[in-house]
Protein backbone atom coordinates (compact mmCIF):
# COMPACT_ATOMS: atom_id res chain seq x y z
CA MET A 1 -3.38 2.66 19.06
CA SER A 2 -4.82 0.02 16.78
CA LEU A 3 -5.48 0.79 13.21
CA ILE A 4 -9.46 0.55 14.11
CA GLY A 5 -8.87 3.41 16.43
CA LEU A 6 -7.49 5.37 13.90
CA TYR A 7 -10.30 4.77 11.52
CA GLN A 8 -12.69 5.71 14.43
CA GLN A 9 -11.06 8.91 14.66
CA LEU A 10 -11.45 9.53 11.00
CA GLU A 11 -15.28 9.05 11.26
CA GLN A 12 -15.36 11.69 14.19
CA GLN A 13 -13.11 14.53 13.09
CA GLU A 14 -10.68 15.88 10.61
CA TRP A 15 -7.87 15.69 12.98
CA ILE A 16 -6.21 12.57 13.65
CA ASP A 17 -3.01 11.40 15.72
CA ILE A 18 -0.69 9.02 13.98
CA PRO A 19 0.83 6.94 16.57
CA SER A 20 4.35 5.56 17.18
CA GLY A 21 5.71 2.18 15.67
CA TRP A 22 4.98 3.20 12.01
CA LEU A 23 8.35 4.98 11.10
CA GLN A 24 9.93 4.34 7.86
CA GLY A 25 13.26 6.28 8.09
CA ARG A 26 12.58 9.91 8.54
CA THR A 27 8.74 9.83 7.89
CA VAL A 28 5.69 7.62 8.71
CA PHE A 29 5.38 4.57 6.54
CA GLY A 30 3.62 5.54 3.31
CA GLY A 31 1.48 2.70 3.33
CA LEU A 32 -0.21 3.80 6.73
CA ILE A 33 -0.49 7.28 5.02
CA ALA A 34 -2.47 5.85 1.97
CA GLY A 35 -4.50 3.65 4.18
CA LEU A 36 -5.80 6.55 5.99
CA LEU A 37 -6.40 8.56 2.93
CA ILE A 38 -8.51 5.76 1.41
CA GLN A 39 -10.46 5.19 4.53
CA LYS A 40 -11.34 9.01 4.47
CA ALA A 41 -12.28 8.54 0.85
CA ILE A 42 -14.57 5.67 1.74
CA LEU A 43 -16.27 7.80 4.19
CA THR A 44 -16.77 10.78 2.28
CA VAL A 45 -18.44 8.82 -0.70
CA ASN A 46 -20.60 6.95 1.87
CA ASP A 47 -22.18 4.69 -0.67
CA SER A 48 -21.63 1.04 -0.20
CA GLU A 49 -22.81 0.23 -3.70
CA LYS A 50 -19.81 2.30 -5.33
CA GLN A 51 -16.69 0.40 -5.21
CA LEU A 52 -13.01 1.47 -5.54
CA LEU A 53 -12.27 1.45 -9.23
CA SER A 54 -8.79 3.22 -8.87
CA CYS A 55 -6.68 5.78 -7.09
CA SER A 56 -3.41 7.62 -7.39
CA VAL A 57 -1.35 8.72 -4.11
CA SER A 58 1.37 11.33 -4.15
CA PHE A 59 3.65 11.61 -1.29
CA VAL A 60 4.42 15.18 -1.31
CA GLY A 61 6.63 15.49 1.81
CA PRO A 62 7.51 13.71 4.97
CA VAL A 63 4.64 12.84 7.58
CA GLN A 64 5.45 12.85 11.07
CA GLN A 65 4.06 11.26 13.95
CA GLY A 66 1.42 13.28 15.88
CA ALA A 67 -1.51 15.48 14.81
CA ALA A 68 -2.41 15.45 11.06
CA LYS A 69 -5.63 16.75 9.41
CA LEU A 70 -7.36 15.03 6.57
CA THR A 71 -9.55 17.01 4.17
CA ALA A 72 -11.95 15.64 1.42
CA GLU A 73 -13.30 17.47 -1.59
CA VAL A 74 -15.64 15.64 -4.03
CA LEU A 75 -14.52 16.72 -7.51
CA ARG A 76 -17.41 15.09 -9.61
CA GLN A 77 -20.22 13.11 -8.46
CA GLY A 78 -21.74 11.35 -11.55
CA LYS A 79 -24.47 8.88 -12.11
CA SER A 80 -22.04 5.98 -11.92
CA VAL A 81 -18.68 7.37 -10.93
CA THR A 82 -17.60 9.63 -7.94
CA THR A 83 -13.92 11.18 -7.99
CA LEU A 84 -12.73 12.99 -5.08
CA GLU A 85 -9.61 14.19 -3.62
CA ILE A 86 -8.29 13.55 -0.04
CA ARG A 87 -5.35 15.54 1.38
CA LEU A 88 -3.25 14.98 4.51
CA TRP A 89 -1.87 18.20 6.12
CA GLN A 90 0.71 18.97 8.82
CA ASP A 91 2.08 22.09 9.87
CA ASP A 92 -0.18 23.98 7.56
CA ALA A 93 1.28 22.24 4.57
CA VAL A 94 -0.07 19.45 2.28
CA GLN A 95 2.01 16.49 2.80
CA SER A 96 0.00 13.47 0.91
CA VAL A 97 -2.69 13.64 -1.68
CA LEU A 98 -5.06 10.89 -3.03
CA VAL A 99 -7.18 11.25 -5.87
CA ALA A 100 -9.91 8.21 -6.10
CA SER A 101 -12.69 7.21 -8.46
CA PHE A 102 -15.64 5.17 -6.99
CA GLY A 103 -18.16 3.41 -9.20
CA LEU A 104 -21.19 1.40 -9.59
CA GLY A 105 -21.04 -1.75 -11.71
CA ARG A 106 -22.64 -1.68 -15.35
CA GLU A 107 -23.78 -4.09 -17.56
CA SER A 108 -21.31 -4.31 -20.58
CA ARG A 109 -20.79 -6.65 -23.71
CA ILE A 110 -17.07 -6.20 -23.08
CA VAL A 111 -15.27 -8.73 -21.17
CA VAL A 112 -11.38 -9.13 -21.29
CA ASN A 113 -9.79 -11.59 -19.05
CA ASN A 114 -5.74 -11.18 -19.90
CA GLN A 115 -4.69 -11.45 -16.50
CA PRO A 116 -1.00 -11.90 -15.46
CA THR A 117 0.45 -15.43 -14.80
CA VAL A 118 0.25 -16.17 -11.30
CA PRO A 119 3.44 -17.00 -9.55
CA ASP A 120 3.54 -20.59 -8.34
CA TYR A 121 5.09 -20.13 -4.87
CA VAL A 122 5.11 -22.61 -2.17
CA THR A 123 2.95 -21.48 1.03
CA ALA A 124 4.16 -18.96 3.49
CA ASP A 125 4.58 -21.87 6.20
CA GLN A 126 7.14 -23.22 3.84
CA LEU A 127 9.31 -20.25 3.64
CA GLU A 128 11.35 -18.39 6.30
CA LYS A 129 9.85 -15.35 7.52
CA MET A 130 11.94 -12.14 7.37
CA VAL A 131 13.30 -11.54 10.69
CA TYR A 132 12.59 -7.92 11.98
CA LEU A 133 15.81 -6.42 13.29
CA GLU A 134 15.31 -3.54 15.54
CA GLY A 135 17.59 -0.51 14.65
CA LEU A 136 18.47 -1.95 11.47
CA MET A 137 15.10 -2.12 9.73
CA PRO A 138 12.54 0.55 9.47
CA GLU A 139 10.13 0.18 12.52
CA CYS A 140 7.20 -0.10 10.48
CA LEU A 141 8.19 -3.58 9.30
CA GLN A 142 7.52 -5.09 12.83
CA GLN A 143 3.64 -4.62 11.96
CA PHE A 144 3.86 -7.19 9.27
CA GLU A 145 5.22 -10.71 8.17
CA LEU A 146 7.10 -10.98 4.99
CA CYS A 147 8.27 -14.22 3.13
CA TRP A 148 10.56 -13.96 0.10
CA ALA A 149 9.60 -16.70 -2.54
CA GLU A 150 11.78 -15.49 -5.26
CA GLY A 151 14.48 -12.88 -5.92
CA HIS A 152 17.03 -11.39 -3.33
CA TYR A 153 16.60 -9.38 -0.13
CA PRO A 154 17.27 -5.82 -0.05
CA MET A 155 20.96 -4.46 -0.23
CA ALA A 156 21.99 -8.00 -1.60
CA GLY A 157 24.01 -6.36 -4.26
CA SER A 158 22.01 -8.51 -6.90
CA LYS A 159 22.78 -7.70 -10.59
CA THR A 160 19.04 -7.99 -11.29
CA PRO A 161 16.01 -6.31 -9.41
CA ASP A 162 12.65 -7.58 -8.50
CA PHE A 163 11.42 -10.24 -6.19
CA GLY A 164 7.95 -11.83 -5.00
CA GLY A 165 6.59 -13.59 -2.00
CA TRP A 166 3.89 -13.45 0.78
CA CYS A 167 2.63 -10.84 3.26
CA ARG A 168 0.27 -10.48 6.14
CA PHE A 169 -0.09 -8.32 9.38
CA SER A 170 1.72 -9.56 12.08
CA PRO A 171 -0.52 -11.90 14.38
CA GLN A 172 1.72 -10.77 17.34
CA LEU A 173 0.77 -7.14 17.10
CA HIS A 174 -2.76 -7.35 15.24
CA SER A 175 -5.67 -9.28 16.53
CA ASN A 176 -7.70 -11.00 13.76
CA ARG A 177 -10.39 -9.25 12.17
CA ASP A 178 -12.20 -8.33 8.93
CA LEU A 179 -9.52 -6.66 6.44
CA TYR A 180 -10.38 -3.14 5.72
CA LEU A 181 -9.41 -1.49 2.36
CA GLY A 182 -7.23 0.70 4.39
CA ASP A 183 -5.63 -2.34 5.98
CA LEU A 184 -4.85 -3.45 2.13
CA PHE A 185 -3.21 -0.53 0.98
CA SER A 186 -0.98 -0.59 4.21
CA LEU A 187 -0.02 -4.25 3.45
CA MET A 188 0.51 -3.68 -0.46
CA ASP A 189 3.21 -0.89 0.55
CA VAL A 190 5.21 -2.68 2.84
CA TRP A 191 7.21 -4.33 0.28
CA PRO A 192 10.45 -2.45 -0.69
CA PRO A 193 11.06 -1.04 -4.33
CA GLY A 194 11.82 -3.44 -6.68
CA VAL A 195 15.40 -2.10 -7.12
CA LEU A 196 16.57 -2.49 -3.60
CA PRO A 197 18.00 -5.81 -4.06
CA MET A 198 20.56 -4.22 -6.31
CA PHE A 199 21.71 -1.96 -3.43
CA LYS A 200 25.11 -3.01 -2.12
CA THR A 201 24.69 -0.76 1.16
CA PRO A 202 21.82 0.67 2.88
CA ALA A 203 20.64 3.93 1.01
CA PRO A 204 17.35 5.86 0.87
CA ALA A 205 14.61 4.93 -1.75
CA SER A 206 11.56 7.21 -1.47
CA SER A 207 8.16 6.54 -3.41
CA LEU A 208 6.82 9.52 -5.20
CA SER A 209 3.66 8.46 -6.58
CA TRP A 210 1.67 5.21 -6.43
CA HIS A 211 -1.25 4.18 -8.51
CA ILE A 212 -3.58 1.30 -7.70
CA THR A 213 -6.13 -0.31 -9.83
CA TYR A 214 -8.57 -2.14 -7.61
CA ILE A 215 -9.63 -5.52 -9.34
CA HIS A 216 -11.39 -7.99 -6.73
CA PRO A 217 -13.05 -6.55 -3.69
CA ILE A 218 -11.47 -8.09 -0.51
CA GLU A 219 -13.25 -10.73 1.33
CA ASN A 220 -10.36 -11.52 3.88
CA GLN A 221 -9.21 -11.46 7.35
CA LEU A 222 -6.19 -9.47 8.86
CA HIS A 223 -4.19 -12.49 9.33
CA ASP A 224 -4.72 -14.14 5.73
CA TRP A 225 -1.84 -14.16 3.52
CA PHE A 226 -1.49 -12.23 0.17
CA LYS A 227 0.81 -13.05 -2.83
CA TYR A 228 3.05 -10.36 -4.09
CA LYS A 229 5.33 -9.88 -7.11
CA VAL A 230 6.98 -6.83 -8.46
CA VAL A 231 8.69 -5.98 -11.87
CA THR A 232 11.01 -2.94 -12.55
CA GLU A 233 10.46 -1.38 -15.95
CA PHE A 234 13.02 1.10 -16.07
CA ALA A 235 15.71 2.65 -13.79
CA GLU A 236 18.06 5.57 -14.39
CA HIS A 237 19.04 9.03 -13.28
CA GLY A 238 18.02 8.42 -9.65
CA TYR A 239 14.39 7.28 -10.63
CA SER A 240 12.65 3.83 -11.18
CA THR A 241 9.45 2.95 -12.46
CA GLU A 242 7.79 -0.46 -11.59
CA TYR A 243 4.57 -2.26 -11.68
CA ALA A 244 3.25 -5.06 -9.14
CA TYR A 245 0.37 -7.46 -8.73
CA LEU A 246 -1.42 -8.49 -5.40
CA TRP A 247 -3.28 -11.78 -5.16
CA ASP A 248 -5.20 -13.64 -2.29
CA SER A 249 -4.40 -17.12 -1.42
CA GLU A 250 -6.97 -18.42 -3.79
CA ASN A 251 -4.96 -16.66 -6.58
CA ARG A 252 -7.69 -14.10 -7.18
CA LEU A 253 -6.03 -11.06 -8.58
CA ILE A 254 -6.68 -8.12 -5.97
CA ALA A 255 -4.81 -5.03 -7.50
CA ILE A 256 -2.52 -3.88 -9.99
CA LEU A 257 -0.01 -1.22 -8.83
CA ARG A 258 2.32 1.09 -10.40
CA GLN A 259 4.83 3.23 -8.73
CA THR A 260 7.83 5.82 -9.31
CA VAL A 261 10.60 5.64 -6.89
CA ALA A 262 13.33 8.21 -6.09
CA VAL A 263 16.46 6.14 -5.66
CA PHE A 264 19.37 7.73 -3.71
CA ALA A 265 22.07 4.96 -4.48
C-alpha cells in the first residue's frame, strides 16, 4: 500500500492497516509511525490556516505490521493555538503518542534570525548513494535514498559521532507527487542516531522521544532532496541526546529536531 493509501485510511476510519516493507528491527519504522500521527493531527485540526508549530513524539512500545488504531483528543482550542494528542494503539495498549500545537501567524515586533550555519555539501548527484543490502539493513531503508556528505557510516568504529548528507524518497518505489507533512516526518527520521558511527558491531539503538520544531512550510515534491546534519550533545549510561537540522535544496531551514535515544552498545 502507498503512503497516500494509508493517509486516505486515516481520513475514513480510526483503524488502519500498517503494510509490510517498513520494519526497523523488531518494530515498524518510527518515522512512518510519526508521519501517520501527524497526518491524523492535521485531519483533526481541520484548519488550513493553522500551521504546525511544534510536536513531540514518544515511542512507548514496538509497533507491529497490521491493524492499528489512531485516536485524537483536542487538549485545548484557543484563539490562535490548538493543542492536541494523538495515540496509536495495538493490542489494547498505547504504543506511540504525539502531542502537537498548531497555530495562526500573528503580527509581532520580535524578529530574531539566528539560524545555524548551513553545511556546504556538494550536491547529491556528486555523492555515492548508500546501497541497501537486504538482510543486513533495516528494510525501511529501501524506501529512501541517502547520501553521506560528512562523517562516517554506522558501525564504522569511529572515535567521534555525527554526520550529515542528503535524503529523499526512493524514486524506484515512490511516484513523484506533492510532499505531505507525514512524508516529511518519515524522511526526517530515516537517518540513524548520531552515535551509530561509533558502534564497532551491530547493536540496537531505539528512539525514546523526538521533538520537532517546524520552521518553514514545505513546498516540495516527494523526489526532492533535503539536507540533514546531526550533532550529539551527550551520551553516557546507555542513552544519548542529540539535535539535528533539516534544510531543503534551497538552504531554507525546514525543521529543528531533538531526540533522546536508548543505546545498547
